[in-house]
Amino acid sequence: MRRTAVLGSAGALVAGTLIAGAVTAPAATAEGRHQVSEARGVEIAAARAASAGIDWTDCPADWSLAKPIQCGWVTVPLDYAKPNGKQIKLAVDRHVSTGTQDERQGALIYNPGGPGGSGLRFPTRITNKNALWANTAKAYDFVGFDPRGVGHSAPISCIDPQEFVKAPKADPVPDSEADKLAQRKLAAEYADGCAERSGEMLPHMTTPNTARDLDVIRAALGEKKLNYLGVSYGTYLGAVYGTLFPTHVRRMVVDSVVNPAKDNIWYQANLNQDIAFQGRWDDWKAWVAQNDATFHIGDTPEKVEQAWLKLRAEAKKNPIGGVVGPSELIGFFQSAPYYDSSWVPVARTWSAYLAGDTQALVDAAAPDMSDIAGNISSENGNAVYTAVECTDAKWPTSWQKWDRDNTRLHKDYPFMTWANAWMNLPCATWPVKQQTPVDVKTGKGLPPVLIVQSTRDAATPYQGAVELHKRFKGSRLITERDAGSHGVTGLVNPCINERVDTYLLTGATDSSDVTCAPHATPKP
């Protein structure tokens, strides 16, 4: 689940038969009839896509995807219940497999998460000669796509991008009821902006529709069954796909798992995330303290926390460089509990600031108003994140509930709680009908799914992997203990890397679940 933005001040900080033979037909309710219509719509769209195929060509120059990566388009219905109605085009790309024809096993489709993330960089794992994926690349074409609403795929928007990134924003941690009221107003305005700028798309910006799109892409590729790698929110997309289309899955790896329980999607998921972020923030502070000889921030976690609170207070009183306040600081510093690869850069930038280098922190944390394309991408990502989470499920409409829950959590888990609350608050006044999440479960024909998770993940707490493991019978869980970097399959840990390779290449899993030692801790 993507957490690249704190909405705070309307801006960004940077998470019948459904298909033939799949599951029993739902009761003949209006919702049930709609699901039957959508299932038929997918079959129609997939048949068309299989017939049309994909016209692969060199990618547009401004996509920054150099040959031999190729790009193309897949057409899908905006509304699967109306497969002959409005159509949208989804951007896809690929790098063909590097092995022999005998080694080739088809296409491996990737989703990096979000909601709102683009998968188009996935084929660059081959062009960049990423050693972790060299064996898999011999067997599979690496296929990425922009999900509906994202990037080049009928992109949506909720606010002017330059306005969205403008800084400094209000401190997410409210000092008064007036501060809360101001944030509530901004959230409601943001929701209204989504309706105004993207109203036609909003009712159809859901995880089930993206899963249906995935099945149409599978068909367009000429694949009988799907090979899939999903990370973060991409795990929930995979879980929903596996539920709707169990007989269409060949291999599926899900990494850093969203808890798919219906009552967790999405309000509770974000509250649980606040707790997990605090835990990983504490891990990072301990590491910074252990390396005080390098960073000179504090030699105990308590001193590092005090230094953080001091920095925050100073930035609130006088934004650093005129543009970096507490909201922007959280936007930058949250990458440390997110990814171990950020531990050193964030600590180094903070250390340089304490030594008198203000510019390094401004460059890292402030928006670049001249980066028009980057700002459009940031705003689009946040719009999709909001649209999918708000439309997927029903959210509390009572401000009292939001206030009570977040006030309680903030006392013990202050690092992300209020920033996260404001980012999601547009869902309380969402302008389109909110749906009921899919009941994720094992359907007849679903093969073993490989689940990979670290125990201290901040963005997708460990319980999510345990829950999906229970729901997908025959799945295997690889646990990376005492680690918390988000996106485990991208890290060097032979205990994990070799098992992922084996599964993708042969379909084999261990006879029981596996616990792996943690990957190497970053060195300053």
Protein backbone atom coordinates (compact mmCIF):
# COMPACT_ATOMS: atom_id res chain seq x y z
CA MET A 1 0.00 0.00 0.00
CA ARG A 2 1.38 3.24 -1.08
CA ARG A 3 2.09 6.00 1.36
CA THR A 4 3.79 8.58 -0.79
CA ALA A 5 1.58 11.39 0.25
CA VAL A 6 0.02 13.04 3.18
CA LEU A 7 -2.95 14.88 1.83
CA GLY A 8 -2.77 17.37 4.69
CA SER A 9 -3.53 20.82 3.19
CA ALA A 10 -4.84 19.45 -0.10
CA GLY A 11 -1.50 18.29 -1.23
CA ALA A 12 1.01 15.55 -1.35
CA LEU A 13 3.27 13.81 1.03
CA VAL A 14 4.80 11.70 -0.84
CA ALA A 15 -0.75 3.34 0.41
CA GLY A 16 -23.75 -15.54 -11.13
CA THR A 17 -20.59 -17.28 -12.04
CA LEU A 18 -17.81 -14.84 -11.84
CA ILE A 19 -16.19 -16.64 -14.70
CA ALA A 20 -17.05 -19.97 -16.22
CA GLY A 21 -16.44 -22.64 -13.62
CA ALA A 22 -15.10 -20.22 -10.99
CA VAL A 23 -17.58 -19.98 -8.13
CA THR A 24 -21.25 -20.55 -7.48
CA ALA A 25 -23.66 -17.96 -8.83
CA PRO A 26 -24.68 -15.33 -6.27
CA ALA A 27 -28.30 -14.97 -5.22
CA ALA A 28 -30.53 -13.11 -7.66
CA THR A 29 -30.18 -9.77 -5.90
CA ALA A 30 -29.51 -6.56 -7.82
CA GLU A 31 -25.88 -6.88 -6.77
CA GLY A 32 -25.82 -10.52 -7.84
CA ARG A 33 -27.28 -9.70 -11.26
CA HIS A 34 -24.69 -6.94 -11.65
CA GLN A 35 -21.89 -9.41 -10.89
CA VAL A 36 -23.25 -11.79 -13.52
CA SER A 37 -23.28 -8.92 -16.02
CA GLU A 38 -19.69 -8.02 -15.14
CA ALA A 39 -18.57 -11.65 -15.47
CA ARG A 40 -20.10 -11.81 -18.94
CA GLY A 41 -18.53 -8.46 -19.73
CA VAL A 42 -15.06 -9.79 -18.85
CA GLU A 43 -15.57 -12.82 -21.08
CA ILE A 44 -16.60 -10.58 -23.97
CA ALA A 45 -13.72 -8.15 -23.45
CA ALA A 46 -11.17 -10.96 -23.04
CA ALA A 47 -12.36 -12.68 -26.22
CA ARG A 48 -12.02 -9.42 -28.14
CA ALA A 49 -8.56 -8.83 -26.69
CA ALA A 50 -7.42 -12.36 -27.52
CA SER A 51 -8.55 -11.80 -31.10
CA ALA A 52 -6.94 -8.36 -31.40
CA GLY A 53 -3.68 -9.17 -29.62
CA ILE A 54 -1.26 -6.33 -28.87
CA ASP A 55 0.44 -4.27 -31.57
CA TRP A 56 3.92 -4.05 -30.06
CA THR A 57 6.04 -1.09 -31.18
CA ASP A 58 8.93 0.98 -29.84
CA CYS A 59 7.79 2.94 -26.80
CA PRO A 60 7.04 6.67 -27.08
CA ALA A 61 10.22 8.68 -26.46
CA ASP A 62 8.81 10.49 -23.43
CA TRP A 63 8.03 7.18 -21.65
CA SER A 64 11.78 6.67 -21.02
CA LEU A 65 11.59 2.98 -21.97
CA ALA A 66 14.36 2.30 -24.45
CA LYS A 67 14.56 -0.58 -26.92
CA PRO A 68 14.35 -3.53 -26.79
CA ILE A 69 11.41 -2.80 -24.45
CA GLN A 70 8.22 -2.54 -26.51
CA CYS A 71 4.91 -0.82 -25.75
CA GLY A 72 1.30 -1.32 -26.76
CA TRP A 73 -2.33 -0.90 -25.74
CA VAL A 74 -5.14 -3.13 -24.51
CA THR A 75 -8.74 -1.94 -24.79
CA VAL A 76 -11.13 -2.63 -21.89
CA PRO A 77 -14.68 -1.50 -21.01
CA LEU A 78 -14.92 1.32 -18.50
CA ASP A 79 -17.89 -0.59 -17.00
CA TYR A 80 -17.77 -4.38 -17.35
CA ALA A 81 -21.53 -4.55 -16.91
CA LYS A 82 -21.70 -2.62 -20.21
CA PRO A 83 -18.98 -4.27 -22.32
CA ASN A 84 -20.20 -2.53 -25.47
CA GLY A 85 -20.23 0.89 -23.81
CA LYS A 86 -17.36 3.34 -23.32
CA GLN A 87 -13.91 1.80 -23.76
CA ILE A 88 -10.57 2.91 -22.31
CA LYS A 89 -7.04 1.98 -23.38
CA LEU A 90 -4.48 0.55 -20.97
CA ALA A 91 -0.76 1.07 -21.59
CA VAL A 92 1.33 -2.13 -21.47
CA ASP A 93 4.99 -2.88 -22.11
CA ARG A 94 7.25 -5.90 -22.27
CA HIS A 95 10.77 -7.23 -22.61
CA VAL A 96 10.76 -10.65 -24.25
CA SER A 97 12.33 -13.53 -22.35
CA THR A 98 16.10 -13.89 -22.67
CA GLY A 99 16.26 -17.70 -22.80
CA THR A 100 15.74 -20.24 -25.54
CA GLN A 101 12.34 -21.11 -26.97
CA ASP A 102 12.44 -24.31 -24.91
CA GLU A 103 13.00 -22.31 -21.71
CA ARG A 104 10.15 -19.86 -22.33
CA GLN A 105 7.08 -20.21 -20.08
CA GLY A 106 5.03 -17.19 -21.15
CA ALA A 107 4.50 -13.73 -19.70
CA LEU A 108 4.98 -12.57 -16.10
CA ILE A 109 2.77 -9.58 -15.32
CA TYR A 110 3.72 -7.20 -12.51
CA ASN A 111 1.94 -4.69 -10.29
CA PRO A 112 4.04 -2.61 -7.88
CA GLY A 113 1.23 -1.44 -5.61
CA GLY A 114 -0.36 1.86 -4.76
CA PRO A 115 -3.17 1.85 -5.66
CA GLY A 116 -1.77 4.27 -8.22
CA GLY A 117 1.61 2.75 -9.03
CA SER A 118 2.77 2.18 -12.60
CA GLY A 119 4.24 -1.19 -13.52
CA LEU A 120 5.89 0.02 -16.73
CA ARG A 121 9.38 -0.02 -15.23
CA PHE A 122 9.23 -3.77 -14.63
CA PRO A 123 10.87 -4.77 -17.95
CA THR A 124 13.88 -2.59 -17.07
CA ARG A 125 14.85 -5.33 -14.60
CA ILE A 126 16.06 -7.13 -17.71
CA THR A 127 17.67 -4.18 -19.48
CA ASN A 128 19.38 -3.14 -16.23
CA LYS A 129 20.64 -6.72 -15.80
CA ASN A 130 19.12 -7.13 -12.33
CA ALA A 131 20.87 -10.30 -11.11
CA LEU A 132 17.99 -11.32 -8.82
CA TRP A 133 15.69 -11.72 -11.83
CA ALA A 134 18.12 -13.14 -14.40
CA ASN A 135 16.88 -16.74 -14.09
CA THR A 136 13.21 -15.76 -14.23
CA ALA A 137 13.91 -13.53 -17.25
CA LYS A 138 15.07 -16.57 -19.23
CA ALA A 139 11.62 -18.11 -18.81
CA TYR A 140 9.27 -15.15 -18.96
CA ASP A 141 8.51 -12.03 -20.92
CA PHE A 142 8.44 -9.27 -18.28
CA VAL A 143 5.18 -7.36 -18.75
CA GLY A 144 4.22 -4.13 -17.01
CA PHE A 145 1.09 -2.01 -17.26
CA ASP A 146 -0.47 1.21 -16.08
CA PRO A 147 -3.70 0.22 -14.27
CA ARG A 148 -6.89 2.06 -15.18
CA GLY A 149 -6.66 5.72 -14.18
CA VAL A 150 -2.87 5.61 -13.86
CA GLY A 151 -0.25 7.31 -16.01
CA HIS A 152 -1.03 6.63 -19.67
CA SER A 153 -4.18 4.56 -19.00
CA ALA A 154 -7.05 7.08 -19.01
CA PRO A 155 -5.42 9.03 -16.15
CA ILE A 156 -7.60 10.64 -13.51
CA SER A 157 -7.01 13.82 -11.50
CA CYS A 158 -8.54 15.44 -8.43
CA ILE A 159 -6.73 18.79 -8.14
CA ASP A 160 -4.36 20.97 -10.14
CA PRO A 161 -0.98 19.19 -9.86
CA GLN A 162 0.98 22.35 -9.06
CA GLU A 163 -1.48 23.16 -6.30
CA PHE A 164 -1.25 19.57 -5.06
CA VAL A 165 2.52 19.68 -4.51
CA LYS A 166 2.74 23.25 -3.24
CA ALA A 167 4.54 23.66 0.08
CA PRO A 168 4.64 24.18 2.98
CA LYS A 169 1.41 22.52 4.02
CA ALA A 170 -0.25 22.61 7.41
CA ASP A 171 1.22 20.43 10.14
CA PRO A 172 -0.76 17.17 10.00
CA VAL A 173 -0.78 16.98 13.81
CA PRO A 174 -3.59 19.32 14.85
CA ASP A 175 -3.15 21.77 17.72
CA SER A 176 -6.81 22.69 17.93
CA GLU A 177 -10.33 21.97 16.73
CA ALA A 178 -9.83 24.76 14.21
CA ASP A 179 -6.88 22.84 12.71
CA LYS A 180 -9.05 19.74 12.40
CA LEU A 181 -11.85 21.73 10.79
CA ALA A 182 -9.44 23.16 8.22
CA GLN A 183 -8.21 19.69 7.32
CA ARG A 184 -11.76 18.36 7.08
CA LYS A 185 -12.61 21.19 4.68
CA LEU A 186 -9.59 20.38 2.51
CA ALA A 187 -10.49 16.67 2.43
CA ALA A 188 -14.09 17.42 1.39
CA GLU A 189 -12.85 19.82 -1.29
CA TYR A 190 -10.47 17.15 -2.56
CA ALA A 191 -13.32 14.61 -2.83
CA ASP A 192 -15.40 17.18 -4.71
CA GLY A 193 -12.43 17.85 -7.00
CA CYS A 194 -12.22 14.15 -7.86
CA ALA A 195 -15.88 14.21 -8.92
CA GLU A 196 -15.44 17.42 -10.87
CA ARG A 197 -12.29 16.41 -12.74
CA SER A 198 -12.79 12.63 -13.06
CA GLY A 199 -16.45 11.94 -12.34
CA GLU A 200 -17.06 9.52 -15.20
CA MET A 201 -14.21 7.25 -14.09
CA LEU A 202 -14.75 7.28 -10.31
CA PRO A 203 -17.52 4.65 -9.97
CA HIS A 204 -15.36 2.21 -11.95
CA MET A 205 -12.04 2.83 -10.14
CA THR A 206 -12.07 -0.38 -8.09
CA THR A 207 -9.79 -3.30 -7.37
CA PRO A 208 -12.24 -5.83 -8.89
CA ASN A 209 -12.29 -3.82 -12.13
CA THR A 210 -8.50 -3.71 -12.20
CA ALA A 211 -8.50 -7.49 -11.66
CA ARG A 212 -10.87 -7.80 -14.64
CA ASP A 213 -8.50 -5.60 -16.64
CA LEU A 214 -5.68 -7.96 -15.68
CA ASP A 215 -7.63 -10.86 -17.12
CA VAL A 216 -8.19 -8.98 -20.38
CA ILE A 217 -4.46 -8.18 -20.56
CA ARG A 218 -3.74 -11.89 -20.01
CA ALA A 219 -6.00 -12.71 -22.95
CA ALA A 220 -4.47 -10.00 -25.16
CA LEU A 221 -1.03 -11.50 -24.50
CA GLY A 222 -2.31 -14.84 -25.78
CA GLU A 223 -1.82 -16.45 -22.37
CA LYS A 224 -4.22 -19.19 -21.26
CA LYS A 225 -3.27 -18.61 -17.63
CA LEU A 226 -1.78 -15.75 -15.63
CA ASN A 227 1.72 -15.61 -14.16
CA TYR A 228 1.71 -12.72 -11.71
CA LEU A 229 3.99 -10.86 -9.32
CA GLY A 230 2.28 -8.33 -7.04
CA VAL A 231 3.86 -6.19 -4.34
CA SER A 232 2.08 -4.19 -1.62
CA TYR A 233 -1.38 -3.21 -2.95
CA GLY A 234 -0.49 -5.49 -5.86
CA THR A 235 -0.98 -8.38 -3.42
CA TYR A 236 -4.59 -7.35 -2.86
CA LEU A 237 -5.07 -7.06 -6.61
CA GLY A 238 -3.66 -10.59 -6.90
CA ALA A 239 -5.88 -11.87 -4.09
CA VAL A 240 -8.99 -10.45 -5.76
CA TYR A 241 -7.91 -11.83 -9.15
CA GLY A 242 -7.30 -15.25 -7.63
CA THR A 243 -10.78 -15.17 -6.09
CA LEU A 244 -12.57 -14.02 -9.26
CA PHE A 245 -10.53 -16.12 -11.70
CA PRO A 246 -9.06 -19.10 -9.80
CA THR A 247 -8.86 -21.32 -12.90
CA HIS A 248 -6.96 -18.61 -14.78
CA VAL A 249 -3.97 -18.55 -12.38
CA ARG A 250 -0.79 -20.46 -13.26
CA ARG A 251 1.80 -18.96 -10.87
CA MET A 252 1.30 -16.11 -8.40
CA VAL A 253 3.83 -14.49 -6.08
CA VAL A 254 2.53 -11.89 -3.61
CA ASP A 255 5.06 -9.86 -1.64
CA SER A 256 4.32 -7.60 1.37
CA VAL A 257 0.68 -8.45 1.75
CA VAL A 258 -2.42 -6.34 2.34
CA ASN A 259 -4.75 -8.06 4.80
CA PRO A 260 -7.65 -9.02 2.47
CA ALA A 261 -10.31 -9.46 5.19
CA LYS A 262 -13.42 -7.53 4.18
CA ASP A 263 -13.53 -5.66 7.49
CA ASN A 264 -9.94 -4.51 6.95
CA ILE A 265 -10.53 -2.89 3.53
CA TRP A 266 -9.66 0.01 3.80
CA TYR A 267 -10.38 2.07 6.93
CA GLN A 268 -9.02 -0.46 9.40
CA ALA A 269 -6.03 -1.19 7.17
CA ASN A 270 -4.88 2.39 7.49
CA LEU A 271 -5.25 2.41 11.28
CA ASN A 272 -3.21 -0.81 11.50
CA GLN A 273 -0.62 0.78 9.26
CA ASP A 274 -0.14 3.64 11.75
CA ILE A 275 0.84 1.14 14.44
CA ALA A 276 3.24 -0.74 12.16
CA PHE A 277 4.88 2.47 10.91
CA GLN A 278 5.65 3.46 14.48
CA GLY A 279 7.31 0.09 15.09
CA ARG A 280 9.55 0.40 12.04
CA TRP A 281 10.31 4.05 12.83
CA ASP A 282 11.54 2.82 16.21
CA ASP A 283 13.73 0.22 14.47
CA TRP A 284 15.31 2.93 12.34
CA LYS A 285 15.92 5.22 15.32
CA ALA A 286 17.75 2.39 17.09
CA TRP A 287 19.93 1.89 14.01
CA VAL A 288 20.67 5.62 13.77
CA ALA A 289 21.69 5.60 17.44
CA GLN A 290 23.96 2.59 16.91
CA ASN A 291 25.69 4.52 14.14
CA ASP A 292 26.02 7.78 16.02
CA ALA A 293 29.74 7.90 15.22
CA THR A 294 28.72 8.42 11.58
CA PHE A 295 25.56 10.52 11.88
CA HIS A 296 25.93 12.48 15.16
CA ILE A 297 22.16 12.68 15.66
CA GLY A 298 21.88 10.89 19.00
CA ASP A 299 23.46 7.87 20.64
CA THR A 300 20.21 6.41 22.01
CA PRO A 301 16.82 5.96 20.31
CA GLU A 302 15.37 8.42 22.84
CA LYS A 303 17.88 11.09 21.82
CA VAL A 304 17.14 10.47 18.13
CA GLU A 305 13.42 10.89 18.85
CA GLN A 306 14.11 14.14 20.69
CA ALA A 307 16.18 15.37 17.74
CA TRP A 308 13.26 14.50 15.43
CA LEU A 309 10.76 16.38 17.60
CA LYS A 310 13.12 19.37 17.73
CA LEU A 311 13.52 19.35 13.95
CA ARG A 312 9.76 19.11 13.54
CA ALA A 313 9.09 21.96 15.95
CA GLU A 314 11.67 24.20 14.27
CA ALA A 315 10.22 23.49 10.83
CA LYS A 316 6.73 24.23 12.11
CA LYS A 317 7.81 27.59 13.50
CA ASN A 318 9.98 28.51 10.51
CA PRO A 319 9.71 26.21 7.49
CA ILE A 320 13.17 25.18 6.35
CA GLY A 321 14.10 27.06 3.20
CA GLY A 322 10.62 28.55 3.39
CA VAL A 323 9.09 25.32 2.07
CA VAL A 324 9.81 22.37 4.38
CA GLY A 325 7.43 22.15 7.32
CA PRO A 326 6.35 19.13 9.39
CA SER A 327 4.21 17.72 6.55
CA GLU A 328 7.12 17.79 4.11
CA LEU A 329 9.45 16.30 6.74
CA ILE A 330 7.10 13.34 7.23
CA GLY A 331 6.94 12.93 3.47
CA PHE A 332 10.71 12.55 3.35
CA PHE A 333 11.39 10.74 6.62
CA GLN A 334 8.66 8.11 6.13
CA SER A 335 10.76 6.48 3.42
CA ALA A 336 13.09 5.18 6.16
CA PRO A 337 10.45 3.01 7.88
CA TYR A 338 9.21 2.07 4.42
CA TYR A 339 12.45 0.87 2.81
CA ASP A 340 15.82 -0.15 4.23
CA SER A 341 17.41 1.37 1.11
CA SER A 342 16.39 4.77 2.53
CA TRP A 343 17.98 4.28 5.95
CA VAL A 344 21.37 5.69 4.98
CA PRO A 345 20.21 8.52 2.66
CA VAL A 346 17.65 9.86 5.15
CA ALA A 347 20.09 9.70 8.08
CA ARG A 348 22.85 11.28 5.99
CA THR A 349 20.60 14.15 4.87
CA TRP A 350 19.49 14.77 8.45
CA SER A 351 23.07 14.63 9.67
CA ALA A 352 24.15 17.14 7.01
CA TYR A 353 21.33 19.48 8.07
CA LEU A 354 22.46 19.35 11.69
CA ALA A 355 25.98 20.18 10.48
CA GLY A 356 24.68 23.27 8.69
CA ASP A 357 23.71 22.01 5.21
CA THR A 358 20.12 23.19 4.86
CA GLN A 359 19.97 22.78 1.10
CA ALA A 360 20.32 18.98 1.13
CA LEU A 361 17.16 18.67 3.24
CA VAL A 362 15.27 21.19 1.12
CA ASP A 363 16.25 19.35 -2.06
CA ALA A 364 15.13 16.05 -0.57
CA ALA A 365 11.87 17.11 1.07
CA ALA A 366 10.50 20.08 -0.87
CA PRO A 367 8.56 19.84 -4.13
CA ASP A 368 10.27 20.82 -7.37
CA MET A 369 7.77 23.24 -8.86
CA SER A 370 9.65 23.17 -12.18
CA ASP A 371 9.13 19.40 -12.55
CA ILE A 372 5.75 19.66 -14.25
CA ALA A 373 5.69 16.05 -15.46
CA GLY A 374 6.75 14.71 -12.06
CA ASN A 375 4.11 16.78 -10.29
CA ILE A 376 1.40 15.56 -12.69
CA SER A 377 2.51 11.99 -11.93
CA SER A 378 2.44 12.58 -8.14
CA GLU A 379 -1.03 14.10 -8.25
CA ASN A 380 -2.28 11.31 -10.50
CA GLY A 381 -0.88 8.63 -8.18
CA ASN A 382 -2.61 10.19 -5.19
CA ALA A 383 -5.87 10.56 -7.12
CA VAL A 384 -5.87 6.87 -8.04
CA TYR A 385 -4.92 5.85 -4.50
CA THR A 386 -7.86 7.83 -3.16
CA ALA A 387 -10.33 6.79 -5.84
CA VAL A 388 -9.68 3.06 -5.50
CA GLU A 389 -9.61 2.93 -1.71
CA CYS A 390 -12.65 5.19 -1.36
CA THR A 391 -14.70 3.32 -3.99
CA ASP A 392 -13.68 -0.22 -3.03
CA ALA A 393 -15.37 -0.18 0.37
CA LYS A 394 -17.66 1.70 2.70
CA TRP A 395 -15.92 4.22 4.98
CA PRO A 396 -17.14 5.84 8.19
CA THR A 397 -19.01 9.07 7.49
CA SER A 398 -18.99 10.15 11.14
CA TRP A 399 -16.23 12.67 11.90
CA GLN A 400 -16.57 11.70 15.55
CA LYS A 401 -15.38 8.17 14.71
CA TRP A 402 -12.40 9.40 12.71
CA ASP A 403 -11.50 11.88 15.44
CA ARG A 404 -11.85 9.34 18.25
CA ASP A 405 -9.86 6.60 16.48
CA ASN A 406 -7.02 8.82 15.34
CA THR A 407 -6.75 10.76 18.60
CA ARG A 408 -6.46 7.45 20.46
CA LEU A 409 -3.84 6.04 18.10
CA HIS A 410 -1.80 9.23 17.97
CA LYS A 411 -1.04 9.01 21.69
CA ASP A 412 1.05 5.86 21.23
CA TYR A 413 1.82 5.94 17.51
CA PRO A 414 2.39 9.59 16.63
CA PHE A 415 4.74 9.28 13.66
CA MET A 416 2.15 8.74 10.89
CA THR A 417 -1.32 8.67 12.43
CA TRP A 418 -2.70 12.12 11.67
CA ALA A 419 -0.92 12.43 8.33
CA ASN A 420 -2.50 9.14 7.29
CA ALA A 421 -5.92 10.22 8.55
CA TRP A 422 -6.01 13.39 6.47
CA MET A 423 -4.82 11.55 3.37
CA ASN A 424 -7.77 9.16 3.62
CA LEU A 425 -10.44 11.55 4.91
CA PRO A 426 -11.84 12.31 1.42
CA CYS A 427 -13.38 8.83 1.68
CA ALA A 428 -15.72 10.15 4.41
CA THR A 429 -17.47 12.42 1.89
CA TRP A 430 -16.85 10.35 -1.24
CA PRO A 431 -19.17 11.43 -4.08
CA VAL A 432 -19.86 8.01 -5.66
CA LYS A 433 -21.34 4.80 -4.31
CA GLN A 434 -18.92 2.83 -2.16
CA GLN A 435 -18.87 -0.88 -2.87
CA THR A 436 -18.50 -4.08 -0.85
CA PRO A 437 -15.05 -5.70 -0.91
CA VAL A 438 -14.64 -9.10 -2.51
CA ASP A 439 -14.64 -12.00 -0.05
CA VAL A 440 -11.16 -13.31 -0.82
CA LYS A 441 -11.08 -17.11 -0.72
CA THR A 442 -9.92 -20.24 -2.51
CA GLY A 443 -11.92 -21.11 -5.60
CA LYS A 444 -11.86 -24.47 -7.33
CA GLY A 445 -8.75 -24.76 -9.48
CA LEU A 446 -6.59 -22.17 -7.71
CA PRO A 447 -2.97 -23.45 -7.71
CA PRO A 448 -0.51 -22.92 -4.83
CA VAL A 449 0.27 -19.23 -4.34
CA LEU A 450 3.64 -18.12 -2.94
CA ILE A 451 3.38 -15.48 -0.17
CA VAL A 452 6.46 -13.53 0.95
CA GLN A 453 6.45 -11.19 3.95
CA SER A 454 8.76 -9.58 6.50
CA THR A 455 7.60 -9.52 10.12
CA ARG A 456 8.15 -5.79 10.72
CA ASP A 457 6.78 -4.34 7.49
CA ALA A 458 5.32 -0.87 8.12
CA ALA A 459 3.06 -0.42 5.11
CA THR A 460 1.51 -3.90 5.09
CA PRO A 461 1.69 -5.42 8.58
CA TYR A 462 2.61 -9.10 8.89
CA GLN A 463 -0.91 -10.21 9.84
CA GLY A 464 -1.95 -9.57 6.24
CA ALA A 465 0.25 -12.39 4.96
CA VAL A 466 -1.06 -14.74 7.66
CA GLU A 467 -4.66 -13.89 6.73
CA LEU A 468 -4.15 -14.44 2.99
CA HIS A 469 -2.31 -17.69 3.73
CA LYS A 470 -5.39 -18.91 5.63
CA ARG A 471 -7.73 -17.89 2.83
CA PHE A 472 -5.72 -19.33 -0.07
CA LYS A 473 -5.59 -23.04 0.67
CA GLY A 474 -2.41 -24.70 -0.54
CA SER A 475 -0.47 -21.43 -0.43
CA ARG A 476 3.03 -21.29 1.05
CA LEU A 477 4.27 -18.50 3.33
CA ILE A 478 7.91 -17.42 3.40
CA THR A 479 8.52 -15.22 6.42
CA GLU A 480 11.55 -12.96 6.71
CA ARG A 481 11.95 -12.60 10.46
CA ASP A 482 13.25 -9.47 12.24
CA ALA A 483 13.12 -7.45 9.01
CA GLY A 484 10.74 -4.82 7.77
CA SER A 485 11.69 -3.48 4.38
CA HIS A 486 8.65 -3.21 2.12
CA GLY A 487 9.02 -5.35 -1.00
CA VAL A 488 11.02 -8.40 0.06
CA THR A 489 11.53 -10.02 -3.35
CA GLY A 490 13.63 -7.08 -4.52
CA LEU A 491 16.24 -7.57 -1.79
CA VAL A 492 19.26 -9.84 -1.65
CA ASN A 493 18.35 -12.73 0.62
CA PRO A 494 19.24 -16.12 -0.94
CA CYS A 495 16.82 -17.96 1.37
CA ILE A 496 14.00 -16.02 -0.32
CA ASN A 497 15.44 -15.34 -3.79
CA GLU A 498 16.12 -19.02 -4.52
CA ARG A 499 12.62 -20.09 -3.46
CA VAL A 500 10.97 -17.41 -5.59
CA ASP A 501 13.07 -18.52 -8.57
CA THR A 502 12.23 -22.19 -8.00
CA TYR A 503 8.52 -21.47 -7.74
CA LEU A 504 8.37 -19.30 -10.87
CA LEU A 505 10.52 -21.72 -12.87
CA THR A 506 9.03 -25.03 -11.72
CA GLY A 507 5.88 -24.32 -9.69
CA ALA A 508 7.41 -26.15 -6.73
CA THR A 509 7.13 -24.89 -3.16
CA ASP A 510 8.51 -26.21 0.11
CA SER A 511 6.47 -28.91 1.82
CA SER A 512 5.76 -26.50 4.66
CA ASP A 513 6.09 -22.80 5.40
CA VAL A 514 9.59 -21.35 5.69
CA THR A 515 11.15 -18.74 7.97
CA CYS A 516 14.25 -16.98 6.66
CA ALA A 517 16.85 -14.95 8.54
CA PRO A 518 16.75 -11.21 7.74
CA HIS A 519 18.60 -9.66 4.82
CA ALA A 520 21.70 -7.64 5.67
CA THR A 521 21.15 -4.47 7.71
CA PRO A 522 22.20 -1.32 5.83
CA LYS A 523 25.73 -0.10 6.52
CA PRO A 524 26.30 3.65 6.87
